[in-house]
Amino acid sequence: AVVNDVAVVLGDVLVRRCPGLSWEFFIKAGSRDVAYQKHVIVGFTHVANPKFNLDIDRLVATYAHRILAGMSVSASYFLEVLEAGQEQA
């Protein structure tokens, strides 16, 4: 639940900063796509793949798992994700 809450906040920030982006329940690709039937951010125009999407939940969950495993993490990771998303929007 915490991962989802953090992901929604970060995603909403990115969508507000980049009006061309939006949340979507992803069904454009088949069931083999890792984002299939997940809520992701779409609308990126500076990428080659027209089905490109950003799965914020997955990024937040991976970050949390790294912390729990005692691995090193960047304190500015979420800022870096937002900045990278804005560059590709």
PDB file of N, CA and C in Angstrom:
ATOM      1  N   ALA A   1       0.825  -1.193   0.000  1.00  0.00           N
ATOM      2  CA  ALA A   1       0.000   0.000   0.000  1.00  0.00           C
ATOM      3  C   ALA A   1       0.867   1.254   0.000  1.00  0.00           C
ATOM      4  N   VAL A   2       1.961   1.216   0.757  1.00  0.00           N
ATOM      5  CA  VAL A   2       2.844   2.388   0.810  1.00  0.00           C
ATOM      6  C   VAL A   2       3.480   2.621  -0.556  1.00  0.00           C
ATOM      7  N   VAL A   3       3.909   1.557  -1.209  1.00  0.00           N
ATOM      8  CA  VAL A   3       4.507   1.683  -2.542  1.00  0.00           C
ATOM      9  C   VAL A   3       3.507   2.328  -3.500  1.00  0.00           C
ATOM     10  N   ASN A   4       2.265   1.871  -3.481  1.00  0.00           N
ATOM     11  CA  ASN A   4       1.246   2.448  -4.359  1.00  0.00           C
ATOM     12  C   ASN A   4       1.021   3.923  -4.065  1.00  0.00           C
ATOM     13  N   ASP A   5       0.956   4.282  -2.792  1.00  0.00           N
ATOM     14  CA  ASP A   5       0.726   5.680  -2.429  1.00  0.00           C
ATOM     15  C   ASP A   5       1.867   6.572  -2.903  1.00  0.00           C
ATOM     16  N   VAL A   6       3.098   6.143  -2.678  1.00  0.00           N
ATOM     17  CA  VAL A   6       4.260   6.925  -3.107  1.00  0.00           C
ATOM     18  C   VAL A   6       4.275   7.034  -4.634  1.00  0.00           C
ATOM     19  N   ALA A   7       3.979   5.921  -5.316  1.00  0.00           N
ATOM     20  CA  ALA A   7       3.978   5.919  -6.778  1.00  0.00           C
ATOM     21  C   ALA A   7       2.918   6.860  -7.341  1.00  0.00           C
ATOM     22  N   VAL A   8       1.740   6.884  -6.743  1.00  0.00           N
ATOM     23  CA  VAL A   8       0.679   7.773  -7.226  1.00  0.00           C
ATOM     24  C   VAL A   8       1.089   9.231  -7.068  1.00  0.00           C
ATOM     25  N   VAL A   9       1.674   9.572  -5.941  1.00  0.00           N
ATOM     26  CA  VAL A   9       2.115  10.956  -5.725  1.00  0.00           C
ATOM     27  C   VAL A   9       3.176  11.340  -6.753  1.00  0.00           C
ATOM     28  N   LEU A  10       4.194  10.486  -6.928  1.00  0.00           N
ATOM     29  CA  LEU A  10       5.253  10.789  -7.889  1.00  0.00           C
ATOM     30  C   LEU A  10       4.704  10.876  -9.312  1.00  0.00           C
ATOM     31  N   GLY A  11       3.831   9.952  -9.664  1.00  0.00           N
ATOM     32  CA  GLY A  11       3.230   9.980 -10.993  1.00  0.00           C
ATOM     33  C   GLY A  11       2.405  11.222 -11.221  1.00  0.00           C
ATOM     34  N   ASP A  12       1.634  11.617 -10.230  1.00  0.00           N
ATOM     35  CA  ASP A  12       0.825  12.831 -10.354  1.00  0.00           C
ATOM     36  C   ASP A  12       1.703  14.067 -10.512  1.00  0.00           C
ATOM     37  N   VAL A  13       2.828  14.099  -9.817  1.00  0.00           N
ATOM     38  CA  VAL A  13       3.761  15.225  -9.958  1.00  0.00           C
ATOM     39  C   VAL A  13       4.275  15.276 -11.391  1.00  0.00           C
ATOM     40  N   LEU A  14       4.658  14.124 -11.933  1.00  0.00           N
ATOM     41  CA  LEU A  14       5.176  14.075 -13.302  1.00  0.00           C
ATOM     42  C   LEU A  14       4.105  14.496 -14.312  1.00  0.00           C
ATOM     43  N   VAL A  15       2.889  14.028 -14.143  1.00  0.00           N
ATOM     44  CA  VAL A  15       1.793  14.385 -15.054  1.00  0.00           C
ATOM     45  C   VAL A  15       1.493  15.880 -14.974  1.00  0.00           C
ATOM     46  N   ARG A  16       1.547  16.454 -13.779  1.00  0.00           N
ATOM     47  CA  ARG A  16       1.315  17.902 -13.642  1.00  0.00           C
ATOM     48  C   ARG A  16       2.412  18.699 -14.321  1.00  0.00           C
ATOM     49  N   ARG A  17       3.646  18.224 -14.216  1.00  0.00           N
ATOM     50  CA  ARG A  17       4.770  18.939 -14.825  1.00  0.00           C
ATOM     51  C   ARG A  17       4.782  18.809 -16.346  1.00  0.00           C
ATOM     52  N   CYS A  18       4.229  17.739 -16.860  1.00  0.00           N
ATOM     53  CA  CYS A  18       4.256  17.461 -18.302  1.00  0.00           C
ATOM     54  C   CYS A  18       2.834  17.174 -18.778  1.00  0.00           C
ATOM     55  N   PRO A  19       2.106  18.184 -19.227  1.00  0.00           N
ATOM     56  CA  PRO A  19       0.692  18.024 -19.582  1.00  0.00           C
ATOM     57  C   PRO A  19       0.407  16.969 -20.654  1.00  0.00           C
ATOM     58  N   GLY A  20       1.383  16.581 -21.469  1.00  0.00           N
ATOM     59  CA  GLY A  20       1.160  15.561 -22.486  1.00  0.00           C
ATOM     60  C   GLY A  20       1.121  14.150 -21.931  1.00  0.00           C
ATOM     61  N   LEU A  21       1.530  13.991 -20.684  1.00  0.00           N
ATOM     62  CA  LEU A  21       1.556  12.670 -20.053  1.00  0.00           C
ATOM     63  C   LEU A  21       0.250  12.419 -19.323  1.00  0.00           C
ATOM     64  N   SER A  22      -0.074  11.144 -19.160  1.00  0.00           N
ATOM     65  CA  SER A  22      -1.283  10.787 -18.425  1.00  0.00           C
ATOM     66  C   SER A  22      -1.167   9.376 -17.870  1.00  0.00           C
ATOM     67  N   TRP A  23      -2.007   9.094 -16.880  1.00  0.00           N
ATOM     68  CA  TRP A  23      -2.112   7.742 -16.344  1.00  0.00           C
ATOM     69  C   TRP A  23      -2.962   6.919 -17.307  1.00  0.00           C
ATOM     70  N   GLU A  24      -2.630   5.645 -17.445  1.00  0.00           N
ATOM     71  CA  GLU A  24      -3.422   4.763 -18.296  1.00  0.00           C
ATOM     72  C   GLU A  24      -3.351   3.338 -17.758  1.00  0.00           C
ATOM     73  N   PHE A  25      -4.455   2.632 -17.854  1.00  0.00           N
ATOM     74  CA  PHE A  25      -4.468   1.198 -17.571  1.00  0.00           C
ATOM     75  C   PHE A  25      -3.974   0.552 -18.855  1.00  0.00           C
ATOM     76  N   PHE A  26      -2.783   0.010 -18.836  1.00  0.00           N
ATOM     77  CA  PHE A  26      -2.063  -0.366 -20.054  1.00  0.00           C
ATOM     78  C   PHE A  26      -2.524  -1.703 -20.623  1.00  0.00           C
ATOM     79  N   ILE A  27      -3.153  -1.629 -21.800  1.00  0.00           N
ATOM     80  CA  ILE A  27      -3.564  -2.852 -22.503  1.00  0.00           C
ATOM     81  C   ILE A  27      -3.172  -2.791 -23.978  1.00  0.00           C
ATOM     82  N   LYS A  28      -2.330  -1.826 -24.350  1.00  0.00           N
ATOM     83  CA  LYS A  28      -1.932  -1.655 -25.753  1.00  0.00           C
ATOM     84  C   LYS A  28      -1.074  -2.808 -26.254  1.00  0.00           C
ATOM     85  N   ALA A  29      -0.355  -3.438 -25.369  1.00  0.00           N
ATOM     86  CA  ALA A  29       0.494  -4.562 -25.748  1.00  0.00           C
ATOM     87  C   ALA A  29      -0.162  -5.838 -25.237  1.00  0.00           C
ATOM     88  N   GLY A  30       0.382  -6.938 -25.629  1.00  0.00           N
ATOM     89  CA  GLY A  30      -0.175  -8.214 -25.196  1.00  0.00           C
ATOM     90  C   GLY A  30       0.181  -8.549 -23.764  1.00  0.00           C
ATOM     91  N   SER A  31      -0.319  -9.673 -23.326  1.00  0.00           N
ATOM     92  CA  SER A  31      -0.123 -10.095 -21.934  1.00  0.00           C
ATOM     93  C   SER A  31       1.327 -10.412 -21.620  1.00  0.00           C
ATOM     94  N   ARG A  32       2.169 -10.494 -22.612  1.00  0.00           N
ATOM     95  CA  ARG A  32       3.593 -10.756 -22.370  1.00  0.00           C
ATOM     96  C   ARG A  32       4.344  -9.482 -21.957  1.00  0.00           C
ATOM     97  N   ASP A  33       3.744  -8.327 -22.161  1.00  0.00           N
ATOM     98  CA  ASP A  33       4.374  -7.062 -21.784  1.00  0.00           C
ATOM     99  C   ASP A  33       4.335  -6.910 -20.273  1.00  0.00           C
ATOM    100  N   VAL A  34       5.450  -6.532 -19.682  1.00  0.00           N
ATOM    101  CA  VAL A  34       5.556  -6.429 -18.224  1.00  0.00           C
ATOM    102  C   VAL A  34       4.577  -5.401 -17.642  1.00  0.00           C
ATOM    103  N   ALA A  35       4.151  -4.445 -18.436  1.00  0.00           N
ATOM    104  CA  ALA A  35       3.227  -3.414 -17.950  1.00  0.00           C
ATOM    105  C   ALA A  35       1.768  -3.741 -18.241  1.00  0.00           C
ATOM    106  N   TYR A  36       1.507  -4.875 -18.848  1.00  0.00           N
ATOM    107  CA  TYR A  36       0.143  -5.232 -19.235  1.00  0.00           C
ATOM    108  C   TYR A  36      -0.789  -5.240 -18.032  1.00  0.00           C
ATOM    109  N   GLN A  37      -1.900  -4.543 -18.160  1.00  0.00           N
ATOM    110  CA  GLN A  37      -2.937  -4.402 -17.140  1.00  0.00           C
ATOM    111  C   GLN A  37      -2.417  -3.783 -15.836  1.00  0.00           C
ATOM    112  N   LYS A  38      -1.515  -2.827 -15.973  1.00  0.00           N
ATOM    113  CA  LYS A  38      -1.025  -2.070 -14.823  1.00  0.00           C
ATOM    114  C   LYS A  38      -1.290  -0.598 -15.084  1.00  0.00           C
ATOM    115  N   HIS A  39      -1.328   0.195 -14.026  1.00  0.00           N
ATOM    116  CA  HIS A  39      -1.478   1.631 -14.233  1.00  0.00           C
ATOM    117  C   HIS A  39      -0.085   2.215 -14.414  1.00  0.00           C
ATOM    118  N   VAL A  40       0.117   2.827 -15.556  1.00  0.00           N
ATOM    119  CA  VAL A  40       1.417   3.371 -15.932  1.00  0.00           C
ATOM    120  C   VAL A  40       1.217   4.774 -16.498  1.00  0.00           C
ATOM    121  N   ILE A  41       2.318   5.474 -16.672  1.00  0.00           N
ATOM    122  CA  ILE A  41       2.258   6.800 -17.285  1.00  0.00           C
ATOM    123  C   ILE A  41       2.649   6.657 -18.753  1.00  0.00           C
ATOM    124  N   VAL A  42       1.836   7.236 -19.623  1.00  0.00           N
ATOM    125  CA  VAL A  42       2.061   7.173 -21.072  1.00  0.00           C
ATOM    126  C   VAL A  42       2.037   8.579 -21.655  1.00  0.00           C
ATOM    127  N   GLY A  43       2.365   8.665 -22.945  1.00  0.00           N
ATOM    128  CA  GLY A  43       2.328   9.955 -23.634  1.00  0.00           C
ATOM    129  C   GLY A  43       3.702  10.528 -23.915  1.00  0.00           C
ATOM    130  N   PHE A  44       4.737   9.734 -23.733  1.00  0.00           N
ATOM    131  CA  PHE A  44       6.101  10.202 -23.965  1.00  0.00           C
ATOM    132  C   PHE A  44       6.346  10.346 -25.459  1.00  0.00           C
ATOM    133  N   THR A  45       6.896  11.479 -25.866  1.00  0.00           N
ATOM    134  CA  THR A  45       7.107  11.750 -27.287  1.00  0.00           C
ATOM    135  C   THR A  45       8.574  11.712 -27.694  1.00  0.00           C
ATOM    136  N   HIS A  46       9.484  11.772 -26.759  1.00  0.00           N
ATOM    137  CA  HIS A  46      10.910  11.783 -27.079  1.00  0.00           C
ATOM    138  C   HIS A  46      11.527  10.395 -26.923  1.00  0.00           C
ATOM    139  N   VAL A  47      10.792   9.381 -27.312  1.00  0.00           N
ATOM    140  CA  VAL A  47      11.260   7.998 -27.265  1.00  0.00           C
ATOM    141  C   VAL A  47      10.911   7.330 -28.590  1.00  0.00           C
ATOM    142  N   ALA A  48      11.673   6.304 -28.952  1.00  0.00           N
ATOM    143  CA  ALA A  48      11.446   5.624 -30.231  1.00  0.00           C
ATOM    144  C   ALA A  48      10.237   4.690 -30.182  1.00  0.00           C
ATOM    145  N   ASN A  49       9.975   4.093 -29.033  1.00  0.00           N
ATOM    146  CA  ASN A  49       8.906   3.110 -28.903  1.00  0.00           C
ATOM    147  C   ASN A  49       7.583   3.817 -28.592  1.00  0.00           C
ATOM    148  N   PRO A  50       6.583   3.736 -29.480  1.00  0.00           N
ATOM    149  CA  PRO A  50       5.309   4.409 -29.222  1.00  0.00           C
ATOM    150  C   PRO A  50       4.528   3.811 -28.042  1.00  0.00           C
ATOM    151  N   LYS A  51       4.884   2.614 -27.619  1.00  0.00           N
ATOM    152  CA  LYS A  51       4.218   1.981 -26.475  1.00  0.00           C
ATOM    153  C   LYS A  51       4.992   2.203 -25.177  1.00  0.00           C
ATOM    154  N   PHE A  52       6.003   3.054 -25.214  1.00  0.00           N
ATOM    155  CA  PHE A  52       6.811   3.307 -24.018  1.00  0.00           C
ATOM    156  C   PHE A  52       5.926   3.799 -22.885  1.00  0.00           C
ATOM    157  N   ASN A  53       6.172   3.292 -21.709  1.00  0.00           N
ATOM    158  CA  ASN A  53       5.419   3.721 -20.533  1.00  0.00           C
ATOM    159  C   ASN A  53       6.329   3.684 -19.322  1.00  0.00           C
ATOM    160  N   LEU A  54       5.919   4.360 -18.299  1.00  0.00           N
ATOM    161  CA  LEU A  54       6.697   4.423 -17.064  1.00  0.00           C
ATOM    162  C   LEU A  54       5.873   3.813 -15.944  1.00  0.00           C
ATOM    163  N   ASP A  55       6.389   2.713 -15.408  1.00  0.00           N
ATOM    164  CA  ASP A  55       5.732   1.997 -14.318  1.00  0.00           C
ATOM    165  C   ASP A  55       6.342   2.477 -13.003  1.00  0.00           C
ATOM    166  N   ILE A  56       5.773   3.529 -12.461  1.00  0.00           N
ATOM    167  CA  ILE A  56       6.291   4.137 -11.235  1.00  0.00           C
ATOM    168  C   ILE A  56       6.218   3.146 -10.069  1.00  0.00           C
ATOM    169  N   ASP A  57       5.167   2.365  -9.994  1.00  0.00           N
ATOM    170  CA  ASP A  57       5.051   1.368  -8.913  1.00  0.00           C
ATOM    171  C   ASP A  57       6.261   0.454  -8.878  1.00  0.00           C
ATOM    172  N   ARG A  58       6.659  -0.028 -10.033  1.00  0.00           N
ATOM    173  CA  ARG A  58       7.796  -0.945 -10.106  1.00  0.00           C
ATOM    174  C   ARG A  58       9.082  -0.264  -9.636  1.00  0.00           C
ATOM    175  N   LEU A  59       9.262   0.992 -10.024  1.00  0.00           N
ATOM    176  CA  LEU A  59      10.455   1.721  -9.615  1.00  0.00           C
ATOM    177  C   LEU A  59      10.497   1.933  -8.098  1.00  0.00           C
ATOM    178  N   VAL A  60       9.361   2.292  -7.523  1.00  0.00           N
ATOM    179  CA  VAL A  60       9.296   2.510  -6.075  1.00  0.00           C
ATOM    180  C   VAL A  60       9.501   1.186  -5.332  1.00  0.00           C
ATOM    181  N   ALA A  61       8.891   0.126  -5.807  1.00  0.00           N
ATOM    182  CA  ALA A  61       9.033  -1.179  -5.160  1.00  0.00           C
ATOM    183  C   ALA A  61      10.478  -1.663  -5.206  1.00  0.00           C
ATOM    184  N   THR A  62      11.124  -1.486  -6.334  1.00  0.00           N
ATOM    185  CA  THR A  62      12.530  -1.885  -6.459  1.00  0.00           C
ATOM    186  C   THR A  62      13.402  -1.093  -5.493  1.00  0.00           C
ATOM    187  N   TYR A  63      13.143   0.183  -5.386  1.00  0.00           N
ATOM    188  CA  TYR A  63      13.884   1.042  -4.455  1.00  0.00           C
ATOM    189  C   TYR A  63      13.702   0.547  -3.015  1.00  0.00           C
ATOM    190  N   ALA A  64      12.472   0.244  -2.646  1.00  0.00           N
ATOM    191  CA  ALA A  64      12.186  -0.241  -1.291  1.00  0.00           C
ATOM    192  C   ALA A  64      12.886  -1.574  -1.028  1.00  0.00           C
ATOM    193  N   HIS A  65      12.869  -2.460  -1.998  1.00  0.00           N
ATOM    194  CA  HIS A  65      13.531  -3.759  -1.839  1.00  0.00           C
ATOM    195  C   HIS A  65      15.043  -3.590  -1.661  1.00  0.00           C
ATOM    196  N   ARG A  66      15.615  -2.656  -2.380  1.00  0.00           N
ATOM    197  CA  ARG A  66      17.059  -2.397  -2.238  1.00  0.00           C
ATOM    198  C   ARG A  66      17.379  -1.913  -0.822  1.00  0.00           C
ATOM    199  N   ILE A  67      16.544  -1.044  -0.295  1.00  0.00           N
ATOM    200  CA  ILE A  67      16.754  -0.559   1.073  1.00  0.00           C
ATOM    201  C   ILE A  67      16.662  -1.714   2.062  1.00  0.00           C
ATOM    202  N   LEU A  68      15.608  -2.520   1.931  1.00  0.00           N
ATOM    203  CA  LEU A  68      15.401  -3.644   2.852  1.00  0.00           C
ATOM    204  C   LEU A  68      16.509  -4.683   2.761  1.00  0.00           C
ATOM    205  N   ALA A  69      17.122  -4.809   1.592  1.00  0.00           N
ATOM    206  CA  ALA A  69      18.209  -5.770   1.409  1.00  0.00           C
ATOM    207  C   ALA A  69      19.551  -5.216   1.856  1.00  0.00           C
ATOM    208  N   GLY A  70      19.555  -3.969   2.316  1.00  0.00           N
ATOM    209  CA  GLY A  70      20.791  -3.357   2.785  1.00  0.00           C
ATOM    210  C   GLY A  70      21.698  -2.879   1.669  1.00  0.00           C
ATOM    211  N   MET A  71      21.154  -2.752   0.481  1.00  0.00           N
ATOM    212  CA  MET A  71      21.936  -2.285  -0.663  1.00  0.00           C
ATOM    213  C   MET A  71      21.988  -0.759  -0.660  1.00  0.00           C
ATOM    214  N   SER A  72      22.966  -0.234  -1.357  1.00  0.00           N
ATOM    215  CA  SER A  72      23.082   1.221  -1.419  1.00  0.00           C
ATOM    216  C   SER A  72      22.018   1.784  -2.359  1.00  0.00           C
ATOM    217  N   VAL A  73      21.485   2.930  -2.006  1.00  0.00           N
ATOM    218  CA  VAL A  73      20.493   3.622  -2.818  1.00  0.00           C
ATOM    219  C   VAL A  73      20.839   5.100  -2.871  1.00  0.00           C
ATOM    220  N   SER A  74      20.417   5.729  -3.926  1.00  0.00           N
ATOM    221  CA  SER A  74      20.629   7.159  -4.078  1.00  0.00           C
ATOM    222  C   SER A  74      19.530   7.909  -3.332  1.00  0.00           C
ATOM    223  N   ALA A  75      19.919   8.860  -2.525  1.00  0.00           N
ATOM    224  CA  ALA A  75      18.932   9.655  -1.786  1.00  0.00           C
ATOM    225  C   ALA A  75      18.103  10.524  -2.735  1.00  0.00           C
ATOM    226  N   SER A  76      18.613  10.766  -3.925  1.00  0.00           N
ATOM    227  CA  SER A  76      17.894  11.613  -4.885  1.00  0.00           C
ATOM    228  C   SER A  76      17.262  10.787  -6.010  1.00  0.00           C
ATOM    229  N   TYR A  77      17.066   9.497  -5.792  1.00  0.00           N
ATOM    230  CA  TYR A  77      16.552   8.595  -6.827  1.00  0.00           C
ATOM    231  C   TYR A  77      15.228   9.070  -7.427  1.00  0.00           C
ATOM    232  N   PHE A  78      14.277   9.430  -6.593  1.00  0.00           N
ATOM    233  CA  PHE A  78      12.966   9.823  -7.106  1.00  0.00           C
ATOM    234  C   PHE A  78      13.052  11.127  -7.891  1.00  0.00           C
ATOM    235  N   LEU A  79      13.899  12.033  -7.470  1.00  0.00           N
ATOM    236  CA  LEU A  79      14.116  13.267  -8.229  1.00  0.00           C
ATOM    237  C   LEU A  79      14.709  12.931  -9.594  1.00  0.00           C
ATOM    238  N   GLU A  80      15.647  11.991  -9.614  1.00  0.00           N
ATOM    239  CA  GLU A  80      16.255  11.569 -10.877  1.00  0.00           C
ATOM    240  C   GLU A  80      15.216  10.941 -11.802  1.00  0.00           C
ATOM    241  N   VAL A  81      14.309  10.146 -11.254  1.00  0.00           N
ATOM    242  CA  VAL A  81      13.245   9.528 -12.052  1.00  0.00           C
ATOM    243  C   VAL A  81      12.348  10.608 -12.658  1.00  0.00           C
ATOM    244  N   LEU A  82      11.957  11.586 -11.847  1.00  0.00           N
ATOM    245  CA  LEU A  82      11.103  12.662 -12.351  1.00  0.00           C
ATOM    246  C   LEU A  82      11.804  13.464 -13.443  1.00  0.00           C
ATOM    247  N   GLU A  83      13.071  13.762 -13.240  1.00  0.00           N
ATOM    248  CA  GLU A  83      13.817  14.519 -14.236  1.00  0.00           C
ATOM    249  C   GLU A  83      13.963  13.738 -15.540  1.00  0.00           C
ATOM    250  N   ALA A  84      14.244  12.450 -15.444  1.00  0.00           N
ATOM    251  CA  ALA A  84      14.358  11.614 -16.649  1.00  0.00           C
ATOM    252  C   ALA A  84      13.016  11.534 -17.372  1.00  0.00           C
ATOM    253  N   GLY A  85      11.950  11.419 -16.631  1.00  0.00           N
ATOM    254  CA  GLY A  85      10.616  11.386 -17.236  1.00  0.00           C
ATOM    255  C   GLY A  85      10.295  12.677 -17.967  1.00  0.00           C
ATOM    256  N   GLN A  86      10.654  13.784 -17.360  1.00  0.00           N
ATOM    257  CA  GLN A  86      10.402  15.080 -17.991  1.00  0.00           C
ATOM    258  C   GLN A  86      11.201  15.220 -19.283  1.00  0.00           C
ATOM    259  N   GLU A  87      12.427  14.710 -19.296  1.00  0.00           N
ATOM    260  CA  GLU A  87      13.253  14.806 -20.505  1.00  0.00           C
ATOM    261  C   GLU A  87      12.664  14.002 -21.662  1.00  0.00           C
ATOM    262  N   GLN A  88      11.981  12.909 -21.344  1.00  0.00           N
ATOM    263  CA  GLN A  88      11.420  12.045 -22.386  1.00  0.00           C
ATOM    264  C   GLN A  88       9.986  12.434 -22.775  1.00  0.00           C
ATOM    265  N   ALA A  89       9.387  13.333 -22.025  1.00  0.00           N
ATOM    266  CA  ALA A  89       7.972  13.713 -22.268  1.00  0.00           C
ATOM    267  C   ALA A  89       7.800  14.478 -23.552  1.00  0.00           C
TER     268      ALA A  89
END
